[in-house]
């Protein structure tokens, strides 16, 4: 089972993404900020995919992705997901190491094909 680390400081957002991903057959681990995500990575990682918010306390999504990409571990795709919708935010996310940038809120029928595509699973039949 593919493991996805969901990183967001909002509990309701983590729960929303957890429900979508678990119903689709993924194992979900949560972190409340980039610092906790790095700790989970050390204890439980690496993961198969990262779903990362931008604006979080202690260590934001940009900082987490930069730290992740510098680690000498098997790298996995990351989706940056945020309420920030400017082209500048999208570019900063990709420079930090995101594979994909999406704007919240995202519906299950939008999120799951992107997750499956980045994991090399294709679309469900």
PDB file of N, CA and C in Angstrom:
ATOM      1  N   UNK A   1       0.845  -1.177   0.000  1.00  0.00           N
ATOM      2  CA  UNK A   1       0.000   0.000   0.000  1.00  0.00           C
ATOM      3  C   UNK A   1       0.896   1.248   0.000  1.00  0.00           C
ATOM      4  N   UNK A   2       0.610   2.164  -0.878  1.00  0.00           N
ATOM      5  CA  UNK A   2       1.383   3.404  -0.978  1.00  0.00           C
ATOM      6  C   UNK A   2       1.090   4.294   0.228  1.00  0.00           C
ATOM      7  N   UNK A   3       2.159   4.915   0.743  1.00  0.00           N
ATOM      8  CA  UNK A   3       2.032   5.770   1.921  1.00  0.00           C
ATOM      9  C   UNK A   3       2.193   7.237   1.533  1.00  0.00           C
ATOM     10  N   UNK A   4       1.246   8.053   1.991  1.00  0.00           N
ATOM     11  CA  UNK A   4       1.244   9.470   1.662  1.00  0.00           C
ATOM     12  C   UNK A   4       1.311  10.271   2.955  1.00  0.00           C
ATOM     13  N   UNK A   5       2.243  11.226   3.007  1.00  0.00           N
ATOM     14  CA  UNK A   5       2.355  12.124   4.152  1.00  0.00           C
ATOM     15  C   UNK A   5       1.606  13.406   3.819  1.00  0.00           C
ATOM     16  N   UNK A   6       0.558  13.695   4.596  1.00  0.00           N
ATOM     17  CA  UNK A   6      -0.252  14.906   4.422  1.00  0.00           C
ATOM     18  C   UNK A   6       0.218  15.921   5.457  1.00  0.00           C
ATOM     19  N   UNK A   7       0.675  17.083   4.978  1.00  0.00           N
ATOM     20  CA  UNK A   7       1.255  18.098   5.859  1.00  0.00           C
ATOM     21  C   UNK A   7       0.427  19.370   5.745  1.00  0.00           C
ATOM     22  N   UNK A   8      -0.295  19.693   6.822  1.00  0.00           N
ATOM     23  CA  UNK A   8      -1.138  20.886   6.838  1.00  0.00           C
ATOM     24  C   UNK A   8      -1.420  21.236   8.288  1.00  0.00           C
ATOM     25  N   UNK A   9      -1.417  22.523   8.617  1.00  0.00           N
ATOM     26  CA  UNK A   9      -1.659  22.917  10.002  1.00  0.00           C
ATOM     27  C   UNK A   9      -3.137  22.899  10.370  1.00  0.00           C
ATOM     28  N   UNK A  10      -4.027  22.808   9.399  1.00  0.00           N
ATOM     29  CA  UNK A  10      -5.468  22.781   9.667  1.00  0.00           C
ATOM     30  C   UNK A  10      -5.962  21.336   9.780  1.00  0.00           C
ATOM     31  N   UNK A  11      -6.466  20.990  10.963  1.00  0.00           N
ATOM     32  CA  UNK A  11      -6.934  19.624  11.205  1.00  0.00           C
ATOM     33  C   UNK A  11      -8.049  19.221  10.246  1.00  0.00           C
ATOM     34  N   UNK A  12      -8.939  20.143   9.927  1.00  0.00           N
ATOM     35  CA  UNK A  12     -10.058  19.806   9.037  1.00  0.00           C
ATOM     36  C   UNK A  12      -9.553  19.489   7.625  1.00  0.00           C
ATOM     37  N   UNK A  13      -8.533  20.190   7.186  1.00  0.00           N
ATOM     38  CA  UNK A  13      -7.965  19.929   5.858  1.00  0.00           C
ATOM     39  C   UNK A  13      -7.262  18.578   5.842  1.00  0.00           C
ATOM     40  N   UNK A  14      -6.501  18.278   6.904  1.00  0.00           N
ATOM     41  CA  UNK A  14      -5.845  16.968   6.982  1.00  0.00           C
ATOM     42  C   UNK A  14      -6.877  15.848   6.963  1.00  0.00           C
ATOM     43  N   UNK A  15      -7.948  16.003   7.723  1.00  0.00           N
ATOM     44  CA  UNK A  15      -9.001  14.988   7.771  1.00  0.00           C
ATOM     45  C   UNK A  15      -9.649  14.820   6.396  1.00  0.00           C
ATOM     46  N   UNK A  16      -9.942  15.923   5.727  1.00  0.00           N
ATOM     47  CA  UNK A  16     -10.554  15.887   4.394  1.00  0.00           C
ATOM     48  C   UNK A  16      -9.664  15.102   3.417  1.00  0.00           C
ATOM     49  N   UNK A  17      -8.379  15.435   3.391  1.00  0.00           N
ATOM     50  CA  UNK A  17      -7.466  14.729   2.484  1.00  0.00           C
ATOM     51  C   UNK A  17      -7.280  13.273   2.896  1.00  0.00           C
ATOM     52  N   UNK A  18      -7.228  13.019   4.204  1.00  0.00           N
ATOM     53  CA  UNK A  18      -7.093  11.639   4.695  1.00  0.00           C
ATOM     54  C   UNK A  18      -8.257  10.786   4.202  1.00  0.00           C
ATOM     55  N   UNK A  19      -9.486  11.290   4.349  1.00  0.00           N
ATOM     56  CA  UNK A  19     -10.659  10.523   3.933  1.00  0.00           C
ATOM     57  C   UNK A  19     -10.631  10.215   2.435  1.00  0.00           C
ATOM     58  N   UNK A  20     -10.294  11.199   1.629  1.00  0.00           N
ATOM     59  CA  UNK A  20     -10.218  10.987   0.177  1.00  0.00           C
ATOM     60  C   UNK A  20      -9.185   9.919  -0.148  1.00  0.00           C
ATOM     61  N   UNK A  21      -8.006  10.054   0.429  1.00  0.00           N
ATOM     62  CA  UNK A  21      -6.896   9.155   0.088  1.00  0.00           C
ATOM     63  C   UNK A  21      -7.086   7.757   0.653  1.00  0.00           C
ATOM     64  N   UNK A  22      -7.584   7.644   1.880  1.00  0.00           N
ATOM     65  CA  UNK A  22      -7.796   6.312   2.455  1.00  0.00           C
ATOM     66  C   UNK A  22      -8.899   5.562   1.728  1.00  0.00           C
ATOM     67  N   UNK A  23      -9.962   6.260   1.338  1.00  0.00           N
ATOM     68  CA  UNK A  23     -11.034   5.604   0.578  1.00  0.00           C
ATOM     69  C   UNK A  23     -10.523   5.098  -0.770  1.00  0.00           C
ATOM     70  N   UNK A  24      -9.456   5.715  -1.278  1.00  0.00           N
ATOM     71  CA  UNK A  24      -8.864   5.291  -2.549  1.00  0.00           C
ATOM     72  C   UNK A  24      -7.799   4.212  -2.346  1.00  0.00           C
ATOM     73  N   UNK A  25      -7.593   3.794  -1.096  1.00  0.00           N
ATOM     74  CA  UNK A  25      -6.680   2.681  -0.832  1.00  0.00           C
ATOM     75  C   UNK A  25      -5.265   3.071  -0.453  1.00  0.00           C
ATOM     76  N   UNK A  26      -5.038   4.316  -0.090  1.00  0.00           N
ATOM     77  CA  UNK A  26      -3.705   4.758   0.325  1.00  0.00           C
ATOM     78  C   UNK A  26      -3.611   4.796   1.841  1.00  0.00           C
ATOM     79  N   UNK A  27      -2.412   4.564   2.364  1.00  0.00           N
ATOM     80  CA  UNK A  27      -2.148   4.753   3.793  1.00  0.00           C
ATOM     81  C   UNK A  27      -1.745   6.211   3.985  1.00  0.00           C
ATOM     82  N   UNK A  28      -2.325   6.869   4.988  1.00  0.00           N
ATOM     83  CA  UNK A  28      -2.078   8.291   5.201  1.00  0.00           C
ATOM     84  C   UNK A  28      -1.467   8.522   6.574  1.00  0.00           C
ATOM     85  N   UNK A  29      -0.407   9.291   6.600  1.00  0.00           N
ATOM     86  CA  UNK A  29       0.228   9.750   7.821  1.00  0.00           C
ATOM     87  C   UNK A  29       0.117  11.264   7.796  1.00  0.00           C
ATOM     88  N   UNK A  30      -0.106  11.882   8.948  1.00  0.00           N
ATOM     89  CA  UNK A  30      -0.312  13.328   9.001  1.00  0.00           C
ATOM     90  C   UNK A  30       0.799  14.020   9.776  1.00  0.00           C
ATOM     91  N   UNK A  31       1.057  15.282   9.385  1.00  0.00           N
ATOM     92  CA  UNK A  31       1.956  16.165  10.128  1.00  0.00           C
ATOM     93  C   UNK A  31       1.334  17.552  10.135  1.00  0.00           C
ATOM     94  N   UNK A  32       1.533  18.286  11.247  1.00  0.00           N
ATOM     95  CA  UNK A  32       0.892  19.595  11.378  1.00  0.00           C
ATOM     96  C   UNK A  32       1.733  20.749  10.850  1.00  0.00           C
ATOM     97  N   UNK A  33       2.998  20.494  10.529  1.00  0.00           N
ATOM     98  CA  UNK A  33       3.850  21.518   9.935  1.00  0.00           C
ATOM     99  C   UNK A  33       5.088  20.844   9.336  1.00  0.00           C
ATOM    100  N   UNK A  34       5.911  21.637   8.686  1.00  0.00           N
ATOM    101  CA  UNK A  34       7.081  21.074   8.026  1.00  0.00           C
ATOM    102  C   UNK A  34       8.076  20.449   8.974  1.00  0.00           C
ATOM    103  N   UNK A  35       8.208  21.010  10.180  1.00  0.00           N
ATOM    104  CA  UNK A  35       9.135  20.456  11.163  1.00  0.00           C
ATOM    105  C   UNK A  35       8.695  19.063  11.607  1.00  0.00           C
ATOM    106  N   UNK A  36       7.401  18.921  11.918  1.00  0.00           N
ATOM    107  CA  UNK A  36       6.891  17.602  12.297  1.00  0.00           C
ATOM    108  C   UNK A  36       7.000  16.626  11.120  1.00  0.00           C
ATOM    109  N   UNK A  37       6.805  17.127   9.910  1.00  0.00           N
ATOM    110  CA  UNK A  37       6.922  16.268   8.728  1.00  0.00           C
ATOM    111  C   UNK A  37       8.346  15.729   8.590  1.00  0.00           C
ATOM    112  N   UNK A  38       9.341  16.557   8.850  1.00  0.00           N
ATOM    113  CA  UNK A  38      10.729  16.086   8.788  1.00  0.00           C
ATOM    114  C   UNK A  38      10.992  15.042   9.869  1.00  0.00           C
ATOM    115  N   UNK A  39      10.394  15.228  11.050  1.00  0.00           N
ATOM    116  CA  UNK A  39      10.536  14.229  12.118  1.00  0.00           C
ATOM    117  C   UNK A  39       9.886  12.911  11.709  1.00  0.00           C
ATOM    118  N   UNK A  40       8.704  12.968  11.123  1.00  0.00           N
ATOM    119  CA  UNK A  40       8.026  11.746  10.671  1.00  0.00           C
ATOM    120  C   UNK A  40       8.840  11.061   9.572  1.00  0.00           C
ATOM    121  N   UNK A  41       9.445  11.866   8.722  1.00  0.00           N
ATOM    122  CA  UNK A  41      10.290  11.330   7.656  1.00  0.00           C
ATOM    123  C   UNK A  41      11.450  10.538   8.250  1.00  0.00           C
ATOM    124  N   UNK A  42      12.064  11.073   9.313  1.00  0.00           N
ATOM    125  CA  UNK A  42      13.173  10.379   9.974  1.00  0.00           C
ATOM    126  C   UNK A  42      12.708   9.082  10.624  1.00  0.00           C
ATOM    127  N   UNK A  43      11.513   9.102  11.231  1.00  0.00           N
ATOM    128  CA  UNK A  43      11.026   7.939  11.983  1.00  0.00           C
ATOM    129  C   UNK A  43      10.319   6.910  11.107  1.00  0.00           C
ATOM    130  N   UNK A  44       9.565   7.376  10.105  1.00  0.00           N
ATOM    131  CA  UNK A  44       8.680   6.482   9.364  1.00  0.00           C
ATOM    132  C   UNK A  44       8.905   6.480   7.866  1.00  0.00           C
ATOM    133  N   UNK A  45       9.734   7.358   7.375  1.00  0.00           N
ATOM    134  CA  UNK A  45       9.866   7.556   5.935  1.00  0.00           C
ATOM    135  C   UNK A  45      10.935   6.698   5.328  1.00  0.00           C
ATOM    136  N   UNK A  46      11.201   6.908   4.047  1.00  0.00           N
ATOM    137  CA  UNK A  46      10.537   7.885   3.184  1.00  0.00           C
ATOM    138  C   UNK A  46       9.136   7.416   2.774  1.00  0.00           C
ATOM    139  N   UNK A  47       8.374   8.364   2.260  1.00  0.00           N
ATOM    140  CA  UNK A  47       7.002   8.096   1.846  1.00  0.00           C
ATOM    141  C   UNK A  47       6.930   8.010   0.326  1.00  0.00           C
ATOM    142  N   UNK A  48       5.790   7.599  -0.184  1.00  0.00           N
ATOM    143  CA  UNK A  48       5.619   7.466  -1.634  1.00  0.00           C
ATOM    144  C   UNK A  48       5.168   8.772  -2.288  1.00  0.00           C
ATOM    145  N   UNK A  49       4.550   9.658  -1.481  1.00  0.00           N
ATOM    146  CA  UNK A  49       4.086  10.939  -2.003  1.00  0.00           C
ATOM    147  C   UNK A  49       3.868  11.876  -0.822  1.00  0.00           C
ATOM    148  N   UNK A  50       4.071  13.165  -1.068  1.00  0.00           N
ATOM    149  CA  UNK A  50       3.870  14.192  -0.046  1.00  0.00           C
ATOM    150  C   UNK A  50       2.817  15.175  -0.540  1.00  0.00           C
ATOM    151  N   UNK A  51       1.832  15.469   0.312  1.00  0.00           N
ATOM    152  CA  UNK A  51       0.808  16.466   0.024  1.00  0.00           C
ATOM    153  C   UNK A  51       1.061  17.603   1.013  1.00  0.00           C
ATOM    154  N   UNK A  52       1.510  18.763   0.505  1.00  0.00           N
ATOM    155  CA  UNK A  52       2.105  19.788   1.354  1.00  0.00           C
ATOM    156  C   UNK A  52       1.383  21.132   1.231  1.00  0.00           C
ATOM    157  N   UNK A  53       0.977  21.697   2.375  1.00  0.00           N
ATOM    158  CA  UNK A  53       0.431  23.052   2.430  1.00  0.00           C
ATOM    159  C   UNK A  53       1.611  24.033   2.404  1.00  0.00           C
ATOM    160  N   UNK A  54       1.353  25.287   2.037  1.00  0.00           N
ATOM    161  CA  UNK A  54       2.415  26.298   2.060  1.00  0.00           C
ATOM    162  C   UNK A  54       2.512  26.950   3.425  1.00  0.00           C
ATOM    163  N   UNK A  55       1.432  27.589   3.854  1.00  0.00           N
ATOM    164  CA  UNK A  55       1.456  28.432   5.053  1.00  0.00           C
ATOM    165  C   UNK A  55       1.215  27.615   6.313  1.00  0.00           C
ATOM    166  N   UNK A  56       2.324  27.374   7.052  1.00  0.00           N
ATOM    167  CA  UNK A  56       2.248  26.632   8.309  1.00  0.00           C
ATOM    168  C   UNK A  56       3.247  27.234   9.282  1.00  0.00           C
ATOM    169  N   UNK A  57       2.981  27.111  10.594  1.00  0.00           N
ATOM    170  CA  UNK A  57       3.950  27.610  11.572  1.00  0.00           C
ATOM    171  C   UNK A  57       5.184  26.714  11.653  1.00  0.00           C
ATOM    172  N   UNK A  58       6.224  27.233  12.243  1.00  0.00           N
ATOM    173  CA  UNK A  58       7.502  26.551  12.511  1.00  0.00           C
ATOM    174  C   UNK A  58       8.313  26.312  11.245  1.00  0.00           C
ATOM    175  N   UNK A  59       7.760  25.613  10.264  1.00  0.00           N
ATOM    176  CA  UNK A  59       8.450  25.402   8.984  1.00  0.00           C
ATOM    177  C   UNK A  59       7.383  25.281   7.911  1.00  0.00           C
ATOM    178  N   UNK A  60       7.395  26.210   6.967  1.00  0.00           N
ATOM    179  CA  UNK A  60       6.352  26.219   5.933  1.00  0.00           C
ATOM    180  C   UNK A  60       6.626  25.164   4.864  1.00  0.00           C
ATOM    181  N   UNK A  61       5.706  25.069   3.925  1.00  0.00           N
ATOM    182  CA  UNK A  61       5.819  24.055   2.882  1.00  0.00           C
ATOM    183  C   UNK A  61       7.046  24.217   2.007  1.00  0.00           C
ATOM    184  N   UNK A  62       7.416  25.458   1.701  1.00  0.00           N
ATOM    185  CA  UNK A  62       8.621  25.693   0.895  1.00  0.00           C
ATOM    186  C   UNK A  62       9.856  25.159   1.624  1.00  0.00           C
ATOM    187  N   UNK A  63       9.947  25.483   2.916  1.00  0.00           N
ATOM    188  CA  UNK A  63      11.094  25.033   3.704  1.00  0.00           C
ATOM    189  C   UNK A  63      11.144  23.522   3.822  1.00  0.00           C
ATOM    190  N   UNK A  64       9.974  22.899   4.006  1.00  0.00           N
ATOM    191  CA  UNK A  64       9.937  21.443   4.083  1.00  0.00           C
ATOM    192  C   UNK A  64      10.436  20.823   2.790  1.00  0.00           C
ATOM    193  N   UNK A  65       9.919  21.302   1.645  1.00  0.00           N
ATOM    194  CA  UNK A  65      10.312  20.705   0.366  1.00  0.00           C
ATOM    195  C   UNK A  65      11.793  20.890   0.088  1.00  0.00           C
ATOM    196  N   UNK A  66      12.329  22.056   0.399  1.00  0.00           N
ATOM    197  CA  UNK A  66      13.767  22.279   0.200  1.00  0.00           C
ATOM    198  C   UNK A  66      14.575  21.304   1.042  1.00  0.00           C
ATOM    199  N   UNK A  67      14.188  21.129   2.308  1.00  0.00           N
ATOM    200  CA  UNK A  67      14.886  20.191   3.197  1.00  0.00           C
ATOM    201  C   UNK A  67      14.738  18.753   2.699  1.00  0.00           C
ATOM    202  N   UNK A  68      13.544  18.392   2.254  1.00  0.00           N
ATOM    203  CA  UNK A  68      13.292  17.046   1.727  1.00  0.00           C
ATOM    204  C   UNK A  68      14.191  16.766   0.524  1.00  0.00           C
ATOM    205  N   UNK A  69      14.239  17.701  -0.411  1.00  0.00           N
ATOM    206  CA  UNK A  69      15.004  17.493  -1.640  1.00  0.00           C
ATOM    207  C   UNK A  69      16.506  17.449  -1.404  1.00  0.00           C
ATOM    208  N   UNK A  70      16.973  17.967  -0.270  1.00  0.00           N
ATOM    209  CA  UNK A  70      18.398  17.924   0.056  1.00  0.00           C
ATOM    210  C   UNK A  70      18.794  16.624   0.734  1.00  0.00           C
ATOM    211  N   UNK A  71      17.809  15.848   1.183  1.00  0.00           N
ATOM    212  CA  UNK A  71      18.110  14.601   1.897  1.00  0.00           C
ATOM    213  C   UNK A  71      18.585  13.514   0.930  1.00  0.00           C
ATOM    214  N   UNK A  72      19.493  12.692   1.431  1.00  0.00           N
ATOM    215  CA  UNK A  72      20.021  11.582   0.642  1.00  0.00           C
ATOM    216  C   UNK A  72      19.146  10.353   0.876  1.00  0.00           C
ATOM    217  N   UNK A  73      17.924  10.436   0.359  1.00  0.00           N
ATOM    218  CA  UNK A  73      16.949   9.348   0.474  1.00  0.00           C
ATOM    219  C   UNK A  73      16.260   9.205  -0.878  1.00  0.00           C
ATOM    220  N   UNK A  74      15.595   8.065  -1.117  1.00  0.00           N
ATOM    221  CA  UNK A  74      14.815   7.964  -2.353  1.00  0.00           C
ATOM    222  C   UNK A  74      13.774   9.090  -2.386  1.00  0.00           C
ATOM    223  N   UNK A  75      13.771   9.859  -3.444  1.00  0.00           N
ATOM    224  CA  UNK A  75      12.858  10.991  -3.541  1.00  0.00           C
ATOM    225  C   UNK A  75      11.514  10.537  -4.108  1.00  0.00           C
ATOM    226  N   UNK A  76      10.473  11.202  -3.631  1.00  0.00           N
ATOM    227  CA  UNK A  76       9.110  10.888  -4.062  1.00  0.00           C
ATOM    228  C   UNK A  76       8.443  12.187  -4.500  1.00  0.00           C
ATOM    229  N   UNK A  77       7.393  12.076  -5.300  1.00  0.00           N
ATOM    230  CA  UNK A  77       6.707  13.285  -5.746  1.00  0.00           C
ATOM    231  C   UNK A  77       6.037  14.034  -4.607  1.00  0.00           C
ATOM    232  N   UNK A  78       5.882  15.332  -4.818  1.00  0.00           N
ATOM    233  CA  UNK A  78       5.221  16.192  -3.843  1.00  0.00           C
ATOM    234  C   UNK A  78       4.213  17.080  -4.556  1.00  0.00           C
ATOM    235  N   UNK A  79       3.025  17.169  -3.970  1.00  0.00           N
ATOM    236  CA  UNK A  79       1.995  18.082  -4.460  1.00  0.00           C
ATOM    237  C   UNK A  79       1.876  19.207  -3.451  1.00  0.00           C
ATOM    238  N   UNK A  80       2.129  20.426  -3.893  1.00  0.00           N
ATOM    239  CA  UNK A  80       1.927  21.598  -3.040  1.00  0.00           C
ATOM    240  C   UNK A  80       0.484  22.015  -3.224  1.00  0.00           C
ATOM    241  N   UNK A  81      -0.238  22.132  -2.122  1.00  0.00           N
ATOM    242  CA  UNK A  81      -1.654  22.475  -2.189  1.00  0.00           C
ATOM    243  C   UNK A  81      -1.896  23.644  -1.240  1.00  0.00           C
ATOM    244  N   UNK A  82      -2.444  24.729  -1.775  1.00  0.00           N
ATOM    245  CA  UNK A  82      -2.562  25.935  -0.974  1.00  0.00           C
ATOM    246  C   UNK A  82      -3.707  26.813  -1.446  1.00  0.00           C
ATOM    247  N   UNK A  83      -4.093  27.750  -0.611  1.00  0.00           N
ATOM    248  CA  UNK A  83      -5.080  28.755  -1.015  1.00  0.00           C
ATOM    249  C   UNK A  83      -4.420  29.856  -1.834  1.00  0.00           C
ATOM    250  N   UNK A  84      -3.097  29.915  -1.818  1.00  0.00           N
ATOM    251  CA  UNK A  84      -2.358  30.920  -2.593  1.00  0.00           C
ATOM    252  C   UNK A  84      -2.452  30.558  -4.069  1.00  0.00           C
ATOM    253  N   UNK A  85      -2.909  31.502  -4.899  1.00  0.00           N
ATOM    254  CA  UNK A  85      -3.170  31.145  -6.299  1.00  0.00           C
ATOM    255  C   UNK A  85      -2.405  31.977  -7.323  1.00  0.00           C
ATOM    256  N   UNK A  86      -1.462  32.779  -6.871  1.00  0.00           N
ATOM    257  CA  UNK A  86      -0.743  33.614  -7.839  1.00  0.00           C
ATOM    258  C   UNK A  86       0.310  32.798  -8.592  1.00  0.00           C
ATOM    259  N   UNK A  87       0.648  33.229  -9.808  1.00  0.00           N
ATOM    260  CA  UNK A  87       1.716  32.551 -10.556  1.00  0.00           C
ATOM    261  C   UNK A  87       3.037  32.535  -9.784  1.00  0.00           C
ATOM    262  N   UNK A  88       3.284  33.570  -8.995  1.00  0.00           N
ATOM    263  CA  UNK A  88       4.521  33.640  -8.207  1.00  0.00           C
ATOM    264  C   UNK A  88       4.572  32.511  -7.178  1.00  0.00           C
ATOM    265  N   UNK A  89       3.422  32.210  -6.544  1.00  0.00           N
ATOM    266  CA  UNK A  89       3.358  31.117  -5.569  1.00  0.00           C
ATOM    267  C   UNK A  89       3.604  29.774  -6.249  1.00  0.00           C
ATOM    268  N   UNK A  90       2.997  29.598  -7.407  1.00  0.00           N
ATOM    269  CA  UNK A  90       3.174  28.358  -8.164  1.00  0.00           C
ATOM    270  C   UNK A  90       4.653  28.165  -8.532  1.00  0.00           C
ATOM    271  N   UNK A  91       5.282  29.219  -9.013  1.00  0.00           N
ATOM    272  CA  UNK A  91       6.693  29.136  -9.401  1.00  0.00           C
ATOM    273  C   UNK A  91       7.571  28.836  -8.189  1.00  0.00           C
ATOM    274  N   UNK A  92       7.301  29.501  -7.056  1.00  0.00           N
ATOM    275  CA  UNK A  92       8.091  29.260  -5.843  1.00  0.00           C
ATOM    276  C   UNK A  92       7.953  27.811  -5.379  1.00  0.00           C
ATOM    277  N   UNK A  93       6.761  27.241  -5.500  1.00  0.00           N
ATOM    278  CA  UNK A  93       6.551  25.848  -5.105  1.00  0.00           C
ATOM    279  C   UNK A  93       7.349  24.900  -5.983  1.00  0.00           C
ATOM    280  N   UNK A  94       7.339  25.151  -7.274  1.00  0.00           N
ATOM    281  CA  UNK A  94       8.080  24.278  -8.190  1.00  0.00           C
ATOM    282  C   UNK A  94       9.588  24.413  -7.965  1.00  0.00           C
ATOM    283  N   UNK A  95      10.069  25.626  -7.705  1.00  0.00           N
ATOM    284  CA  UNK A  95      11.488  25.839  -7.420  1.00  0.00           C
ATOM    285  C   UNK A  95      11.883  25.123  -6.125  1.00  0.00           C
ATOM    286  N   UNK A  96      10.990  25.118  -5.137  1.00  0.00           N
ATOM    287  CA  UNK A  96      11.273  24.465  -3.858  1.00  0.00           C
ATOM    288  C   UNK A  96      11.315  22.942  -3.987  1.00  0.00           C
ATOM    289  N   UNK A  97      10.707  22.403  -5.049  1.00  0.00           N
ATOM    290  CA  UNK A  97      10.767  20.955  -5.251  1.00  0.00           C
ATOM    291  C   UNK A  97       9.437  20.273  -5.451  1.00  0.00           C
ATOM    292  N   UNK A  98       8.353  21.038  -5.570  1.00  0.00           N
ATOM    293  CA  UNK A  98       7.047  20.420  -5.822  1.00  0.00           C
ATOM    294  C   UNK A  98       6.980  19.906  -7.258  1.00  0.00           C
ATOM    295  N   UNK A  99       6.289  18.803  -7.449  1.00  0.00           N
ATOM    296  CA  UNK A  99       6.052  18.270  -8.790  1.00  0.00           C
ATOM    297  C   UNK A  99       4.783  18.850  -9.393  1.00  0.00           C
ATOM    298  N   UNK A 100       3.878  19.293  -8.521  1.00  0.00           N
ATOM    299  CA  UNK A 100       2.582  19.782  -8.956  1.00  0.00           C
ATOM    300  C   UNK A 100       2.103  20.806  -7.941  1.00  0.00           C
ATOM    301  N   UNK A 101       1.374  21.819  -8.418  1.00  0.00           N
ATOM    302  CA  UNK A 101       0.830  22.860  -7.543  1.00  0.00           C
ATOM    303  C   UNK A 101      -0.660  22.955  -7.797  1.00  0.00           C
ATOM    304  N   UNK A 102      -1.459  22.812  -6.745  1.00  0.00           N
ATOM    305  CA  UNK A 102      -2.905  22.921  -6.887  1.00  0.00           C
ATOM    306  C   UNK A 102      -3.454  23.870  -5.826  1.00  0.00           C
ATOM    307  N   UNK A 103      -4.580  24.496  -6.153  1.00  0.00           N
ATOM    308  CA  UNK A 103      -5.198  25.471  -5.266  1.00  0.00           C
ATOM    309  C   UNK A 103      -6.357  24.818  -4.514  1.00  0.00           C
ATOM    310  N   UNK A 104      -6.408  25.060  -3.191  1.00  0.00           N
ATOM    311  CA  UNK A 104      -7.506  24.583  -2.352  1.00  0.00           C
ATOM    312  C   UNK A 104      -8.738  25.432  -2.615  1.00  0.00           C
ATOM    313  N   UNK A 105      -9.900  24.908  -2.382  1.00  0.00           N
ATOM    314  CA  UNK A 105     -10.161  23.493  -2.080  1.00  0.00           C
ATOM    315  C   UNK A 105     -10.119  22.660  -3.358  1.00  0.00           C
ATOM    316  N   UNK A 106      -9.740  21.416  -3.201  1.00  0.00           N
ATOM    317  CA  UNK A 106      -9.677  20.512  -4.351  1.00  0.00           C
ATOM    318  C   UNK A 106     -10.641  19.355  -4.102  1.00  0.00           C
ATOM    319  N   UNK A 107     -11.396  19.033  -5.120  1.00  0.00           N
ATOM    320  CA  UNK A 107     -12.380  17.952  -5.003  1.00  0.00           C
ATOM    321  C   UNK A 107     -11.693  16.594  -5.230  1.00  0.00           C
ATOM    322  N   UNK A 108     -12.280  15.533  -4.668  1.00  0.00           N
ATOM    323  CA  UNK A 108     -11.685  14.197  -4.832  1.00  0.00           C
ATOM    324  C   UNK A 108     -11.443  13.830  -6.285  1.00  0.00           C
ATOM    325  N   UNK A 109     -12.395  14.169  -7.168  1.00  0.00           N
ATOM    326  CA  UNK A 109     -12.235  13.794  -8.574  1.00  0.00           C
ATOM    327  C   UNK A 109     -11.117  14.584  -9.265  1.00  0.00           C
ATOM    328  N   UNK A 110     -10.637  15.650  -8.632  1.00  0.00           N
ATOM    329  CA  UNK A 110      -9.478  16.387  -9.146  1.00  0.00           C
ATOM    330  C   UNK A 110      -8.187  15.854  -8.528  1.00  0.00           C
ATOM    331  N   UNK A 111      -8.232  15.566  -7.228  1.00  0.00           N
ATOM    332  CA  UNK A 111      -7.029  15.155  -6.509  1.00  0.00           C
ATOM    333  C   UNK A 111      -6.569  13.746  -6.870  1.00  0.00           C
ATOM    334  N   UNK A 112      -7.483  12.799  -6.874  1.00  0.00           N
ATOM    335  CA  UNK A 112      -7.078  11.399  -7.050  1.00  0.00           C
ATOM    336  C   UNK A 112      -6.374  11.103  -8.370  1.00  0.00           C
ATOM    337  N   UNK A 113      -6.836  11.617  -9.510  1.00  0.00           N
ATOM    338  CA  UNK A 113      -6.086  11.348 -10.744  1.00  0.00           C
ATOM    339  C   UNK A 113      -4.661  11.917 -10.711  1.00  0.00           C
ATOM    340  N   UNK A 114      -4.492  13.060 -10.043  1.00  0.00           N
ATOM    341  CA  UNK A 114      -3.155  13.649  -9.946  1.00  0.00           C
ATOM    342  C   UNK A 114      -2.256  12.806  -9.050  1.00  0.00           C
ATOM    343  N   UNK A 115      -2.808  12.343  -7.925  1.00  0.00           N
ATOM    344  CA  UNK A 115      -2.048  11.479  -7.021  1.00  0.00           C
ATOM    345  C   UNK A 115      -1.653  10.187  -7.735  1.00  0.00           C
ATOM    346  N   UNK A 116      -2.618   9.548  -8.359  1.00  0.00           N
ATOM    347  CA  UNK A 116      -2.345   8.285  -9.071  1.00  0.00           C
ATOM    348  C   UNK A 116      -1.333   8.476 -10.198  1.00  0.00           C
ATOM    349  N   UNK A 117      -1.457   9.580 -10.909  1.00  0.00           N
ATOM    350  CA  UNK A 117      -0.513   9.857 -11.998  1.00  0.00           C
ATOM    351  C   UNK A 117       0.905  10.020 -11.485  1.00  0.00           C
ATOM    352  N   UNK A 118       1.081  10.766 -10.403  1.00  0.00           N
ATOM    353  CA  UNK A 118       2.417  10.962  -9.857  1.00  0.00           C
ATOM    354  C   UNK A 118       2.995   9.680  -9.257  1.00  0.00           C
ATOM    355  N   UNK A 119       2.109   8.770  -8.821  1.00  0.00           N
ATOM    356  CA  UNK A 119       2.558   7.487  -8.293  1.00  0.00           C
ATOM    357  C   UNK A 119       2.715   6.427  -9.380  1.00  0.00           C
ATOM    358  N   UNK A 120       2.431   6.817 -10.633  1.00  0.00           N
ATOM    359  CA  UNK A 120       2.583   5.886 -11.746  1.00  0.00           C
ATOM    360  C   UNK A 120       1.489   4.851 -11.816  1.00  0.00           C
ATOM    361  N   UNK A 121       0.345   5.149 -11.211  1.00  0.00           N
ATOM    362  CA  UNK A 121      -0.754   4.182 -11.191  1.00  0.00           C
ATOM    363  C   UNK A 121      -1.772   4.414 -12.285  1.00  0.00           C
ATOM    364  N   UNK A 122      -1.694   5.527 -12.978  1.00  0.00           N
ATOM    365  CA  UNK A 122      -2.669   5.798 -14.026  1.00  0.00           C
ATOM    366  C   UNK A 122      -4.039   6.081 -13.446  1.00  0.00           C
ATOM    367  N   UNK A 123      -5.029   6.124 -14.289  1.00  0.00           N
ATOM    368  CA  UNK A 123      -6.398   6.416 -13.857  1.00  0.00           C
ATOM    369  C   UNK A 123      -7.136   5.122 -13.556  1.00  0.00           C
ATOM    370  N   UNK A 124      -8.068   5.175 -12.588  1.00  0.00           N
ATOM    371  CA  UNK A 124      -8.850   3.962 -12.304  1.00  0.00           C
ATOM    372  C   UNK A 124      -9.763   3.641 -13.456  1.00  0.00           C
ATOM    373  N   UNK A 125     -10.079   2.368 -13.616  1.00  0.00           N
ATOM    374  CA  UNK A 125     -10.972   1.995 -14.731  1.00  0.00           C
ATOM    375  C   UNK A 125     -12.406   2.115 -14.350  1.00  0.00           C
TER     376      UNK A 125
END
